[in-house]
Amino acid sequence: MAEIGFDDFLKVDIRVGTVIGAEPYPEARNPSYKLFVDFGPEIGERKTAAQLTDHYTPEDLVGRQVAAVINFPAKQIGKFMSEILVLGFPDDSGAVVLIEPNRPVPNGGRLF
């Protein structure tokens, strides 16, 4: 992987938000949920489709704080427009495990 400078890192806007809605997305090519995430009054609510069905139910996701890249351009995923990229790591089988703060933090906080 290529080395980057600190200025490159600063270009990626990673924020914390709280999932306020989650629902199945049966039209997706791979099992996914539609997520609606609140990033606080300055950024507002954003939505995404995420392949989280191996470890999470929609009920598990609502109220959970997540980290997401908020400054990628919107991307059409089937009939759904994804506005953010929720971040996670793969487990031993490749299923996504979400990144989340280990204590509550204000929505909209930027990763540093």
N, C-alpha and C. Protein backbone atom coordinates (compact mmCIF):
# COMPACT_ATOMS: atom_id res chain seq x y z
N MET A 1 0.85 -1.17 0.00
CA MET A 1 0.00 0.00 0.00
C MET A 1 0.90 1.24 0.00
N ALA A 2 0.50 2.24 -0.74
CA ALA A 2 1.28 3.47 -0.85
C ALA A 2 1.20 4.28 0.43
N GLU A 3 2.30 4.90 0.78
CA GLU A 3 2.34 5.79 1.94
C GLU A 3 1.66 7.10 1.58
N ILE A 4 0.93 7.68 2.54
CA ILE A 4 0.28 8.97 2.32
C ILE A 4 0.80 9.98 3.33
N GLY A 5 0.60 11.24 3.02
CA GLY A 5 0.96 12.29 3.95
C GLY A 5 -0.21 12.64 4.85
N PHE A 6 0.07 13.37 5.92
CA PHE A 6 -0.98 13.77 6.86
C PHE A 6 -2.05 14.60 6.17
N ASP A 7 -1.67 15.43 5.22
CA ASP A 7 -2.66 16.23 4.49
C ASP A 7 -3.64 15.34 3.73
N ASP A 8 -3.18 14.19 3.24
CA ASP A 8 -4.08 13.24 2.58
C ASP A 8 -5.10 12.70 3.57
N PHE A 9 -4.65 12.37 4.77
CA PHE A 9 -5.55 11.86 5.82
C PHE A 9 -6.62 12.91 6.15
N LEU A 10 -6.22 14.18 6.22
CA LEU A 10 -7.17 15.24 6.57
C LEU A 10 -8.27 15.42 5.53
N LYS A 11 -8.05 14.95 4.33
CA LYS A 11 -9.07 15.06 3.27
C LYS A 11 -10.25 14.12 3.52
N VAL A 12 -10.02 13.05 4.29
CA VAL A 12 -11.08 12.08 4.58
C VAL A 12 -11.81 12.54 5.84
N ASP A 13 -13.08 12.90 5.69
CA ASP A 13 -13.87 13.42 6.80
C ASP A 13 -14.64 12.27 7.46
N ILE A 14 -14.10 11.74 8.56
CA ILE A 14 -14.72 10.64 9.29
C ILE A 14 -15.39 11.21 10.53
N ARG A 15 -16.69 10.99 10.64
CA ARG A 15 -17.49 11.53 11.75
C ARG A 15 -18.24 10.41 12.45
N VAL A 16 -18.69 10.72 13.65
CA VAL A 16 -19.52 9.80 14.42
C VAL A 16 -20.96 10.25 14.32
N GLY A 17 -21.85 9.27 14.22
CA GLY A 17 -23.28 9.55 14.19
C GLY A 17 -24.03 8.41 14.85
N THR A 18 -25.30 8.66 15.13
CA THR A 18 -26.15 7.66 15.76
C THR A 18 -27.16 7.14 14.75
N VAL A 19 -27.25 5.83 14.65
CA VAL A 19 -28.23 5.21 13.75
C VAL A 19 -29.62 5.50 14.32
N ILE A 20 -30.45 6.17 13.51
CA ILE A 20 -31.82 6.49 13.95
C ILE A 20 -32.86 5.65 13.23
N GLY A 21 -32.43 4.93 12.22
CA GLY A 21 -33.33 4.04 11.50
C GLY A 21 -32.54 2.99 10.75
N ALA A 22 -33.09 1.78 10.68
CA ALA A 22 -32.46 0.68 9.95
C ALA A 22 -33.57 -0.23 9.45
N GLU A 23 -33.46 -0.61 8.19
CA GLU A 23 -34.47 -1.49 7.61
C GLU A 23 -33.83 -2.39 6.57
N PRO A 24 -34.42 -3.56 6.37
CA PRO A 24 -33.89 -4.46 5.35
C PRO A 24 -33.91 -3.79 3.97
N TYR A 25 -32.96 -4.17 3.14
CA TYR A 25 -32.88 -3.69 1.76
C TYR A 25 -32.89 -4.91 0.85
N PRO A 26 -34.07 -5.52 0.65
CA PRO A 26 -34.14 -6.79 -0.08
C PRO A 26 -33.76 -6.67 -1.55
N GLU A 27 -33.81 -5.47 -2.12
CA GLU A 27 -33.47 -5.29 -3.54
C GLU A 27 -31.95 -5.28 -3.78
N ALA A 28 -31.16 -5.18 -2.74
CA ALA A 28 -29.69 -5.13 -2.88
C ALA A 28 -29.16 -6.46 -3.41
N ARG A 29 -28.07 -6.40 -4.13
CA ARG A 29 -27.43 -7.60 -4.69
C ARG A 29 -26.96 -8.54 -3.58
N ASN A 30 -26.38 -7.98 -2.52
CA ASN A 30 -25.94 -8.76 -1.35
C ASN A 30 -26.81 -8.36 -0.16
N PRO A 31 -27.03 -9.26 0.79
CA PRO A 31 -27.88 -8.91 1.94
C PRO A 31 -27.40 -7.62 2.62
N SER A 32 -28.30 -6.67 2.74
CA SER A 32 -27.94 -5.34 3.25
C SER A 32 -29.09 -4.72 4.02
N TYR A 33 -28.74 -3.65 4.73
CA TYR A 33 -29.73 -2.80 5.38
C TYR A 33 -29.59 -1.39 4.84
N LYS A 34 -30.70 -0.67 4.87
CA LYS A 34 -30.68 0.78 4.68
C LYS A 34 -30.51 1.38 6.07
N LEU A 35 -29.52 2.24 6.23
CA LEU A 35 -29.27 2.90 7.51
C LEU A 35 -29.50 4.39 7.37
N PHE A 36 -30.07 4.97 8.40
CA PHE A 36 -30.28 6.42 8.49
C PHE A 36 -29.54 6.88 9.74
N VAL A 37 -28.57 7.78 9.56
CA VAL A 37 -27.64 8.14 10.62
C VAL A 37 -27.71 9.64 10.88
N ASP A 38 -27.85 10.01 12.16
CA ASP A 38 -27.88 11.41 12.58
C ASP A 38 -26.48 11.85 12.98
N PHE A 39 -25.96 12.86 12.27
CA PHE A 39 -24.64 13.41 12.57
C PHE A 39 -24.72 14.75 13.28
N GLY A 40 -25.86 15.04 13.90
CA GLY A 40 -25.99 16.28 14.66
C GLY A 40 -26.48 17.44 13.80
N PRO A 41 -26.74 18.59 14.45
CA PRO A 41 -27.37 19.70 13.75
C PRO A 41 -26.54 20.32 12.63
N GLU A 42 -25.23 20.26 12.72
CA GLU A 42 -24.39 20.88 11.70
C GLU A 42 -24.39 20.09 10.38
N ILE A 43 -24.41 18.76 10.48
CA ILE A 43 -24.35 17.90 9.29
C ILE A 43 -25.72 17.33 8.95
N GLY A 44 -26.49 16.97 9.96
CA GLY A 44 -27.82 16.42 9.74
C GLY A 44 -27.83 14.92 9.54
N GLU A 45 -28.90 14.44 8.95
CA GLU A 45 -29.11 13.01 8.73
C GLU A 45 -28.59 12.63 7.35
N ARG A 46 -27.92 11.49 7.30
CA ARG A 46 -27.44 10.93 6.03
C ARG A 46 -27.85 9.46 5.99
N LYS A 47 -27.88 8.90 4.78
CA LYS A 47 -28.31 7.51 4.62
C LYS A 47 -27.28 6.71 3.84
N THR A 48 -27.33 5.41 4.03
CA THR A 48 -26.42 4.50 3.33
C THR A 48 -27.03 3.11 3.28
N ALA A 49 -26.49 2.29 2.39
CA ALA A 49 -26.79 0.86 2.39
C ALA A 49 -25.53 0.15 2.88
N ALA A 50 -25.70 -0.82 3.76
CA ALA A 50 -24.53 -1.48 4.36
C ALA A 50 -24.79 -2.97 4.53
N GLN A 51 -23.76 -3.77 4.23
CA GLN A 51 -23.83 -5.22 4.35
C GLN A 51 -23.48 -5.63 5.77
N LEU A 52 -24.45 -5.51 6.66
CA LEU A 52 -24.23 -5.77 8.08
C LEU A 52 -25.08 -6.91 8.63
N THR A 53 -25.70 -7.66 7.74
CA THR A 53 -26.71 -8.63 8.17
C THR A 53 -26.14 -9.84 8.92
N ASP A 54 -24.84 -10.11 8.82
CA ASP A 54 -24.28 -11.27 9.52
C ASP A 54 -24.25 -11.10 11.03
N HIS A 55 -24.00 -9.88 11.50
CA HIS A 55 -23.83 -9.66 12.93
C HIS A 55 -24.89 -8.77 13.57
N TYR A 56 -25.72 -8.12 12.77
CA TYR A 56 -26.64 -7.12 13.32
C TYR A 56 -28.05 -7.31 12.75
N THR A 57 -29.04 -6.99 13.57
CA THR A 57 -30.42 -6.87 13.11
C THR A 57 -30.73 -5.38 13.06
N PRO A 58 -31.78 -4.98 12.38
CA PRO A 58 -32.14 -3.56 12.40
C PRO A 58 -32.33 -3.03 13.82
N GLU A 59 -32.90 -3.85 14.69
CA GLU A 59 -33.12 -3.43 16.08
C GLU A 59 -31.80 -3.23 16.82
N ASP A 60 -30.79 -4.06 16.51
CA ASP A 60 -29.46 -3.90 17.12
C ASP A 60 -28.80 -2.59 16.71
N LEU A 61 -29.09 -2.14 15.50
CA LEU A 61 -28.40 -0.98 14.94
C LEU A 61 -28.95 0.35 15.44
N VAL A 62 -30.26 0.43 15.63
CA VAL A 62 -30.88 1.69 16.05
C VAL A 62 -30.36 2.07 17.44
N GLY A 63 -29.86 3.30 17.55
CA GLY A 63 -29.30 3.80 18.80
C GLY A 63 -27.80 3.62 18.91
N ARG A 64 -27.20 2.86 18.02
CA ARG A 64 -25.77 2.59 18.04
C ARG A 64 -25.01 3.74 17.37
N GLN A 65 -23.91 4.14 17.97
CA GLN A 65 -23.06 5.15 17.33
C GLN A 65 -22.09 4.44 16.39
N VAL A 66 -21.89 5.03 15.20
CA VAL A 66 -21.03 4.46 14.18
C VAL A 66 -20.10 5.53 13.63
N ALA A 67 -18.99 5.08 13.04
CA ALA A 67 -18.07 5.98 12.34
C ALA A 67 -18.36 5.86 10.85
N ALA A 68 -18.29 6.99 10.15
CA ALA A 68 -18.57 6.99 8.72
C ALA A 68 -17.78 8.09 8.00
N VAL A 69 -17.41 7.80 6.76
CA VAL A 69 -16.85 8.83 5.89
C VAL A 69 -18.04 9.59 5.32
N ILE A 70 -18.03 10.91 5.52
CA ILE A 70 -19.19 11.70 5.07
C ILE A 70 -18.90 12.56 3.85
N ASN A 71 -17.66 12.55 3.34
CA ASN A 71 -17.37 13.45 2.21
C ASN A 71 -17.05 12.72 0.91
N PHE A 72 -17.49 11.46 0.77
CA PHE A 72 -17.47 10.81 -0.54
C PHE A 72 -18.67 11.31 -1.33
N PRO A 73 -18.60 11.32 -2.66
CA PRO A 73 -19.81 11.67 -3.43
C PRO A 73 -20.88 10.59 -3.24
N ALA A 74 -22.14 10.99 -3.33
CA ALA A 74 -23.24 10.04 -3.22
C ALA A 74 -23.10 8.98 -4.31
N LYS A 75 -23.54 7.75 -3.98
CA LYS A 75 -23.42 6.63 -4.91
C LYS A 75 -24.74 5.88 -4.99
N GLN A 76 -25.18 5.62 -6.20
CA GLN A 76 -26.41 4.87 -6.42
C GLN A 76 -26.14 3.39 -6.15
N ILE A 77 -26.90 2.81 -5.22
CA ILE A 77 -26.81 1.38 -4.93
C ILE A 77 -28.19 0.80 -5.19
N GLY A 78 -28.38 0.24 -6.37
CA GLY A 78 -29.70 -0.20 -6.78
C GLY A 78 -30.60 1.01 -6.93
N LYS A 79 -31.74 0.98 -6.26
CA LYS A 79 -32.68 2.10 -6.30
C LYS A 79 -32.47 3.07 -5.14
N PHE A 80 -31.39 2.91 -4.41
CA PHE A 80 -31.14 3.68 -3.18
C PHE A 80 -29.87 4.51 -3.35
N MET A 81 -29.93 5.79 -2.96
CA MET A 81 -28.77 6.66 -3.04
C MET A 81 -28.04 6.66 -1.70
N SER A 82 -26.79 6.16 -1.70
CA SER A 82 -25.98 6.09 -0.50
C SER A 82 -25.15 7.37 -0.39
N GLU A 83 -25.20 8.02 0.77
CA GLU A 83 -24.55 9.32 0.97
C GLU A 83 -23.29 9.25 1.84
N ILE A 84 -23.09 8.13 2.54
CA ILE A 84 -21.95 7.98 3.45
C ILE A 84 -21.41 6.56 3.34
N LEU A 85 -20.24 6.33 3.92
CA LEU A 85 -19.67 4.99 4.02
C LEU A 85 -19.45 4.69 5.49
N VAL A 86 -20.28 3.80 6.03
CA VAL A 86 -20.13 3.37 7.42
C VAL A 86 -18.92 2.43 7.49
N LEU A 87 -18.10 2.59 8.53
CA LEU A 87 -16.83 1.88 8.61
C LEU A 87 -16.87 0.67 9.54
N GLY A 88 -16.15 -0.36 9.15
CA GLY A 88 -16.04 -1.56 9.96
C GLY A 88 -14.82 -2.36 9.55
N PHE A 89 -14.57 -3.42 10.29
CA PHE A 89 -13.48 -4.34 10.00
C PHE A 89 -14.06 -5.72 9.70
N PRO A 90 -13.37 -6.53 8.88
CA PRO A 90 -13.87 -7.89 8.64
C PRO A 90 -13.52 -8.82 9.80
N ASP A 91 -14.46 -9.71 10.11
CA ASP A 91 -14.14 -10.76 11.09
C ASP A 91 -13.44 -11.90 10.36
N ASP A 92 -13.25 -13.03 11.01
CA ASP A 92 -12.53 -14.16 10.41
C ASP A 92 -13.18 -14.68 9.13
N SER A 93 -14.49 -14.48 8.98
CA SER A 93 -15.17 -14.96 7.78
C SER A 93 -15.44 -13.84 6.77
N GLY A 94 -14.98 -12.64 7.06
CA GLY A 94 -15.15 -11.52 6.14
C GLY A 94 -16.38 -10.68 6.39
N ALA A 95 -17.19 -11.01 7.39
CA ALA A 95 -18.38 -10.23 7.72
C ALA A 95 -17.98 -8.95 8.44
N VAL A 96 -18.73 -7.89 8.22
CA VAL A 96 -18.39 -6.59 8.77
C VAL A 96 -18.74 -6.49 10.25
N VAL A 97 -17.76 -5.98 11.03
CA VAL A 97 -17.95 -5.62 12.43
C VAL A 97 -17.75 -4.11 12.50
N LEU A 98 -18.76 -3.39 12.93
CA LEU A 98 -18.73 -1.93 12.93
C LEU A 98 -17.69 -1.35 13.87
N ILE A 99 -17.15 -0.21 13.46
CA ILE A 99 -16.31 0.61 14.33
C ILE A 99 -17.25 1.52 15.11
N GLU A 100 -17.08 1.58 16.41
CA GLU A 100 -17.91 2.47 17.21
C GLU A 100 -17.12 2.95 18.42
N PRO A 101 -17.43 4.16 18.91
CA PRO A 101 -16.73 4.63 20.11
C PRO A 101 -17.08 3.75 21.30
N ASN A 102 -16.13 3.62 22.24
CA ASN A 102 -16.40 2.79 23.40
C ASN A 102 -17.09 3.57 24.53
N ARG A 103 -17.34 4.86 24.29
CA ARG A 103 -18.14 5.71 25.19
C ARG A 103 -18.98 6.63 24.32
N PRO A 104 -20.13 7.07 24.79
CA PRO A 104 -20.93 8.01 24.00
C PRO A 104 -20.18 9.32 23.75
N VAL A 105 -20.27 9.81 22.52
CA VAL A 105 -19.67 11.08 22.13
C VAL A 105 -20.71 11.87 21.35
N PRO A 106 -20.54 13.21 21.26
CA PRO A 106 -21.51 14.00 20.52
C PRO A 106 -21.54 13.63 19.03
N ASN A 107 -22.74 13.52 18.47
CA ASN A 107 -22.88 13.27 17.04
C ASN A 107 -22.19 14.38 16.26
N GLY A 108 -21.53 13.98 15.18
CA GLY A 108 -20.84 14.93 14.33
C GLY A 108 -19.38 15.10 14.65
N GLY A 109 -18.91 14.52 15.78
CA GLY A 109 -17.50 14.63 16.13
C GLY A 109 -16.61 14.04 15.06
N ARG A 110 -15.51 14.74 14.76
CA ARG A 110 -14.60 14.27 13.70
C ARG A 110 -13.47 13.43 14.30
N LEU A 111 -13.15 12.34 13.59
CA LEU A 111 -12.04 11.48 14.00
C LEU A 111 -10.72 12.22 13.86
N PHE A 112 -9.90 12.10 14.88
CA PHE A 112 -8.53 12.64 14.79
C PHE A 112 -7.60 11.75 15.57
